Amino acid sequence: MIEYFLSLDPFLQALIGTLFTWGMTALGASLVFMTKTVNVKLLDGMMGFAGGVMIAASFWSLLSPAIEMAKGGSVPAWIPAAVGFMLGGIFLWGIDKILPHLHPNASISEAEGIQPNRRKRSTLLVLAITLHNIPEGLAIGVAFGALANGFPEASLAGAIALTIGIGIQNFPEGVAVSMPLRKLGMSRRKSFYYGQFSGMVEPVSAVIGVLAVTLMEPLLPYALSFAAGAMIFVVAEEVIPGSHEEGNRDLASMSVMIGFTVMMILDVALG
């Protein structure tokens, strides 16, 4: 099975990986069929866990391999990592300022982006999570692209660990979209549809990530770091602050620690 997967085109590998992460988003969104509400403490703990997974994935699966790949190059190894990391954060910051969106649990007056007041609250909620899924898809695409290019620092286990980690943290994201939509009076079916729709961007961005690193191989350390910076921006700007909004800070903080530990174990044990 592993040999067969390795024989696949990197685009197909990344597509399969992001279909799994999209499926996890859909699984989280499907809770709307089973319950009217989700325990706030549980949701905050899940979001904190997701933040920990993303932080660990950013270092163990992206930044660390990027630094190793850059060693022996024409510039110090820290330069590609630092430049790519900052560019990833700046890129997400720019999209955050442009794309109309509304974070879960925020009032409509707190909507961000260009002319957000012209959009429905439901649309803004979906756009918020969709925005956050872009760097996750890119990260998976870049990881499989690095593997296909034969870099010794890249490994199938590392790419799979990254995919599993992002899939785990996509579950609460699906919940975070579908449940608020249900509260707004949307039907269960529509709430699920829009909840899982937010994960649809991941396969698209994964293909873009693979394309970028296969066409521009020397930029791979920058691409890995870029994906890490974009993910950290999402964690710092939305995931962790969102998990603290209902006052469950200790629970959310410990969940971050647990999520980081689980992802670290996955990456190191599988790698």
Protein backbone atom coordinates (compact mmCIF):
# COMPACT_ATOMS: atom_id res chain seq x y z
CA MET A 1 0.00 0.00 0.00
CA ILE A 2 2.78 2.43 0.94
CA GLU A 3 4.76 1.56 -2.20
CA TYR A 4 1.67 2.18 -4.31
CA PHE A 5 1.09 5.55 -2.64
CA LEU A 6 4.74 6.51 -3.21
CA SER A 7 4.38 5.63 -6.89
CA LEU A 8 1.57 8.13 -7.31
CA ASP A 9 2.06 11.58 -8.79
CA PRO A 10 2.69 14.20 -6.03
CA PHE A 11 -0.42 16.07 -7.14
CA LEU A 12 -2.49 12.96 -6.53
CA GLN A 13 -0.78 12.30 -3.18
CA ALA A 14 -1.58 15.83 -2.01
CA LEU A 15 -5.11 15.54 -3.36
CA ILE A 16 -5.72 12.30 -1.43
CA GLY A 17 -4.29 13.87 1.72
CA THR A 18 -6.50 16.95 1.50
CA LEU A 19 -9.56 14.87 0.67
CA PHE A 20 -8.97 13.28 4.08
CA THR A 21 -8.67 16.68 5.80
CA TRP A 22 -11.77 17.90 3.95
CA GLY A 23 -13.55 14.76 5.13
CA MET A 24 -12.62 15.57 8.73
CA THR A 25 -14.12 19.04 8.29
CA ALA A 26 -17.29 17.40 6.99
CA LEU A 27 -17.30 14.97 9.93
CA GLY A 28 -17.20 17.88 12.36
CA ALA A 29 -19.93 19.69 10.46
CA SER A 30 -22.09 16.52 10.57
CA LEU A 31 -22.58 16.97 14.32
CA VAL A 32 -25.31 19.41 13.38
CA PHE A 33 -27.49 16.37 12.54
CA MET A 34 -26.97 14.84 15.99
CA THR A 35 -27.36 17.72 18.41
CA LYS A 36 -28.74 21.24 18.61
CA THR A 37 -25.81 22.61 20.56
CA VAL A 38 -22.25 21.68 21.41
CA ASN A 39 -20.88 22.13 24.92
CA VAL A 40 -18.93 25.41 24.92
CA LYS A 41 -16.15 23.96 27.08
CA LEU A 42 -15.77 21.03 24.72
CA LEU A 43 -15.61 23.31 21.69
CA ASP A 44 -13.05 25.62 23.33
CA GLY A 45 -10.95 22.61 24.30
CA MET A 46 -11.14 21.30 20.74
CA MET A 47 -10.10 24.67 19.32
CA GLY A 48 -7.20 24.87 21.75
CA PHE A 49 -6.15 21.35 20.76
CA ALA A 50 -6.32 22.39 17.10
CA GLY A 51 -4.07 25.36 17.83
CA GLY A 52 -1.49 23.12 19.49
CA VAL A 53 -1.52 20.75 16.52
CA MET A 54 -0.98 23.61 14.08
CA ILE A 55 1.90 25.08 16.10
CA ALA A 56 3.68 21.72 16.31
CA ALA A 57 3.05 20.97 12.64
CA SER A 58 4.47 24.36 11.69
CA PHE A 59 7.80 23.55 13.33
CA TRP A 60 8.26 19.79 13.12
CA SER A 61 6.83 19.27 9.63
CA LEU A 62 7.65 22.59 7.95
CA LEU A 63 10.20 24.90 9.57
CA SER A 64 12.66 22.25 10.74
CA PRO A 65 12.87 20.52 7.31
CA ALA A 66 13.17 23.95 5.65
CA ILE A 67 16.21 24.82 7.78
CA GLU A 68 17.82 21.46 7.07
CA MET A 69 17.25 21.84 3.33
CA ALA A 70 18.81 25.30 3.33
CA LYS A 71 22.04 24.15 5.01
CA GLY A 72 25.01 24.23 2.68
CA GLY A 73 23.34 26.76 0.40
CA SER A 74 24.63 30.14 -0.74
CA VAL A 75 22.97 31.93 2.19
CA PRO A 76 22.80 31.11 5.91
CA ALA A 77 20.17 28.44 6.60
CA TRP A 78 18.12 30.75 8.80
CA ILE A 79 17.46 33.26 6.00
CA PRO A 80 15.03 31.14 3.90
CA ALA A 81 13.23 30.07 7.09
CA ALA A 82 12.92 33.62 8.42
CA VAL A 83 11.97 35.22 5.11
CA GLY A 84 9.47 32.53 4.16
CA PHE A 85 7.94 32.48 7.64
CA MET A 86 7.36 36.23 7.70
CA LEU A 87 6.02 36.29 4.14
CA GLY A 88 3.51 33.59 5.07
CA GLY A 89 2.20 35.67 7.95
CA ILE A 90 2.10 38.85 5.87
CA PHE A 91 0.24 37.03 3.09
CA LEU A 92 -2.49 35.83 5.47
CA TRP A 93 -2.62 39.26 7.12
CA GLY A 94 -3.22 40.83 3.71
CA ILE A 95 -5.99 38.40 2.80
CA ASP A 96 -7.49 38.92 6.26
CA LYS A 97 -7.76 42.65 5.52
CA ILE A 98 -9.30 42.14 2.08
CA LEU A 99 -11.63 39.12 2.28
CA PRO A 100 -14.93 39.90 4.07
CA HIS A 101 -15.34 37.48 6.99
CA LEU A 102 -16.65 37.09 10.52
CA HIS A 103 -15.08 34.93 13.20
CA PRO A 104 -17.36 32.54 15.14
CA ASN A 105 -18.93 34.05 18.30
CA ALA A 106 -18.19 37.60 17.06
CA SER A 107 -20.93 40.19 16.55
CA ILE A 108 -21.71 41.38 13.05
CA SER A 109 -20.17 44.75 13.90
CA GLU A 110 -16.81 42.98 14.28
CA ALA A 111 -16.82 41.66 10.71
CA GLU A 112 -13.53 42.27 8.88
CA GLY A 113 -12.42 42.81 5.29
CA ILE A 114 -13.67 45.05 2.51
CA GLN A 115 -17.33 46.07 2.90
CA PRO A 116 -18.32 43.10 5.10
CA ASN A 117 -21.68 44.73 5.93
CA ARG A 118 -22.88 43.84 2.43
CA ARG A 119 -22.64 40.11 3.20
CA LYS A 120 -24.91 37.84 5.21
CA ARG A 121 -23.61 36.68 8.57
CA SER A 122 -23.69 33.07 7.38
CA THR A 123 -21.53 33.91 4.35
CA LEU A 124 -19.03 35.77 6.51
CA LEU A 125 -18.72 32.82 8.92
CA VAL A 126 -17.98 30.40 6.08
CA LEU A 127 -15.43 32.78 4.53
CA ALA A 128 -13.60 33.06 7.87
CA ILE A 129 -12.92 29.32 8.15
CA THR A 130 -12.25 29.04 4.42
CA LEU A 131 -9.55 31.70 4.82
CA HIS A 132 -7.93 29.63 7.57
CA ASN A 133 -7.93 26.47 5.48
CA ILE A 134 -5.78 27.99 2.73
CA PRO A 135 -2.41 27.64 4.55
CA GLU A 136 -3.30 24.11 5.68
CA GLY A 137 -3.81 22.94 2.11
CA LEU A 138 -0.64 24.73 1.02
CA ALA A 139 1.32 23.03 3.80
CA ILE A 140 0.21 19.56 2.72
CA GLY A 141 0.91 20.33 -0.93
CA VAL A 142 4.40 21.64 -0.18
CA ALA A 143 5.17 18.62 2.03
CA PHE A 144 4.27 16.12 -0.68
CA GLY A 145 6.01 18.25 -3.30
CA ALA A 146 9.22 18.13 -1.26
CA LEU A 147 8.90 14.36 -0.99
CA ALA A 148 8.47 14.01 -4.75
CA ASN A 149 11.57 16.13 -5.37
CA GLY A 150 13.67 13.61 -3.46
CA PHE A 151 14.89 15.83 -0.62
CA PRO A 152 16.36 13.60 2.12
CA GLU A 153 14.95 15.95 4.77
CA ALA A 154 11.43 15.22 3.52
CA SER A 155 9.76 11.94 4.37
CA LEU A 156 6.48 10.22 3.62
CA ALA A 157 5.95 9.75 7.35
CA GLY A 158 6.37 13.49 7.94
CA ALA A 159 3.91 14.39 5.18
CA ILE A 160 1.41 11.85 6.49
CA ALA A 161 1.83 13.09 10.07
CA LEU A 162 1.19 16.64 8.88
CA THR A 163 -1.93 15.49 7.02
CA ILE A 164 -3.24 13.58 10.05
CA GLY A 165 -2.55 16.53 12.35
CA ILE A 166 -4.36 18.99 10.10
CA GLY A 167 -7.22 16.50 9.70
CA ILE A 168 -7.57 16.27 13.50
CA GLN A 169 -7.75 20.01 13.88
CA ASN A 170 -10.22 20.38 10.99
CA PHE A 171 -12.87 18.51 13.00
CA PRO A 172 -13.58 21.39 15.42
CA GLU A 173 -13.46 23.85 12.52
CA GLY A 174 -16.36 22.05 10.88
CA VAL A 175 -18.26 22.24 14.17
CA ALA A 176 -17.41 25.93 14.55
CA VAL A 177 -19.12 26.72 11.24
CA SER A 178 -22.14 24.41 11.16
CA MET A 179 -23.37 25.02 14.71
CA PRO A 180 -23.50 28.85 14.51
CA LEU A 181 -25.27 28.57 11.16
CA ARG A 182 -27.87 26.29 12.75
CA LYS A 183 -28.37 28.84 15.52
CA LEU A 184 -29.03 31.48 12.87
CA GLY A 185 -32.04 29.43 11.76
CA MET A 186 -30.51 27.64 8.79
CA SER A 187 -31.68 24.08 8.19
CA ARG A 188 -29.50 21.19 9.37
CA ARG A 189 -28.77 20.19 5.78
CA LYS A 190 -27.69 23.67 4.75
CA SER A 191 -25.66 24.14 7.95
CA PHE A 192 -23.79 20.91 7.19
CA TYR A 193 -23.32 21.85 3.54
CA TYR A 194 -21.74 25.21 4.32
CA GLY A 195 -19.76 23.76 7.23
CA GLN A 196 -18.05 21.15 5.07
CA PHE A 197 -17.76 23.61 2.16
CA SER A 198 -15.19 25.59 4.17
CA GLY A 199 -12.76 22.67 3.80
CA MET A 200 -13.13 22.50 0.03
CA VAL A 201 -10.35 25.05 -0.46
CA GLU A 202 -7.73 22.67 0.92
CA PRO A 203 -7.45 20.35 -2.12
CA VAL A 204 -7.19 23.41 -4.37
CA SER A 205 -4.47 25.09 -2.31
CA ALA A 206 -2.63 21.76 -1.95
CA VAL A 207 -2.35 21.44 -5.73
CA ILE A 208 -1.02 25.00 -5.87
CA GLY A 209 1.55 24.10 -3.22
CA VAL A 210 2.76 21.05 -5.13
CA LEU A 211 2.92 23.03 -8.36
CA ALA A 212 4.97 25.78 -6.73
CA VAL A 213 7.67 23.50 -5.34
CA THR A 214 7.92 21.23 -8.39
CA LEU A 215 8.33 24.15 -10.78
CA MET A 216 10.60 26.18 -8.49
CA GLU A 217 12.63 23.59 -6.56
CA PRO A 218 15.22 26.07 -5.16
CA LEU A 219 12.38 27.90 -3.42
CA LEU A 220 11.30 24.85 -1.43
CA PRO A 221 12.77 25.99 1.93
CA TYR A 222 10.97 29.32 1.45
CA ALA A 223 7.73 27.52 0.52
CA LEU A 224 7.82 25.28 3.60
CA SER A 225 8.52 28.28 5.84
CA PHE A 226 5.82 30.30 4.09
CA ALA A 227 3.23 27.63 4.90
CA ALA A 228 4.44 27.57 8.53
CA GLY A 229 4.16 31.34 8.87
CA ALA A 230 0.66 31.35 7.42
CA MET A 231 -0.45 28.63 9.85
CA ILE A 232 1.05 30.40 12.86
CA PHE A 233 -0.71 33.63 11.86
CA VAL A 234 -4.04 31.77 11.87
CA VAL A 235 -3.31 30.29 15.30
CA ALA A 236 -2.26 33.61 16.83
CA GLU A 237 -4.94 35.71 15.18
CA GLU A 238 -7.96 33.46 15.52
CA VAL A 239 -7.68 29.93 16.90
CA ILE A 240 -6.24 30.59 20.37
CA PRO A 241 -8.06 33.92 20.97
CA GLY A 242 -11.31 32.26 19.84
CA SER A 243 -10.84 29.44 22.33
CA HIS A 244 -10.59 32.00 25.17
CA GLU A 245 -13.71 34.03 24.34
CA GLU A 246 -16.06 32.14 26.66
CA GLY A 247 -13.69 32.28 29.65
CA ASN A 248 -12.33 28.73 29.41
CA ARG A 249 -8.73 29.91 29.23
CA ASP A 250 -7.11 27.27 31.42
CA LEU A 251 -8.89 24.46 29.59
CA ALA A 252 -7.99 25.93 26.19
CA SER A 253 -4.36 26.50 27.20
CA MET A 254 -3.91 22.94 28.43
CA SER A 255 -5.58 21.71 25.25
CA VAL A 256 -2.98 23.65 23.25
CA MET A 257 -0.27 21.78 25.17
CA ILE A 258 -1.95 18.42 24.53
CA GLY A 259 -2.44 19.17 20.84
CA PHE A 260 1.20 20.19 20.46
CA THR A 261 2.35 17.03 22.23
CA VAL A 262 0.16 14.74 20.11
CA MET A 263 1.38 16.30 16.86
CA MET A 264 5.00 16.20 18.02
CA ILE A 265 4.67 12.49 18.85
CA LEU A 266 3.03 11.80 15.49
CA ASP A 267 5.76 13.58 13.56
CA VAL A 268 8.73 12.18 15.49
CA ALA A 269 7.37 8.64 15.85
CA LEU A 270 6.30 8.33 12.22
CA GLY A 271 9.40 10.15 10.96
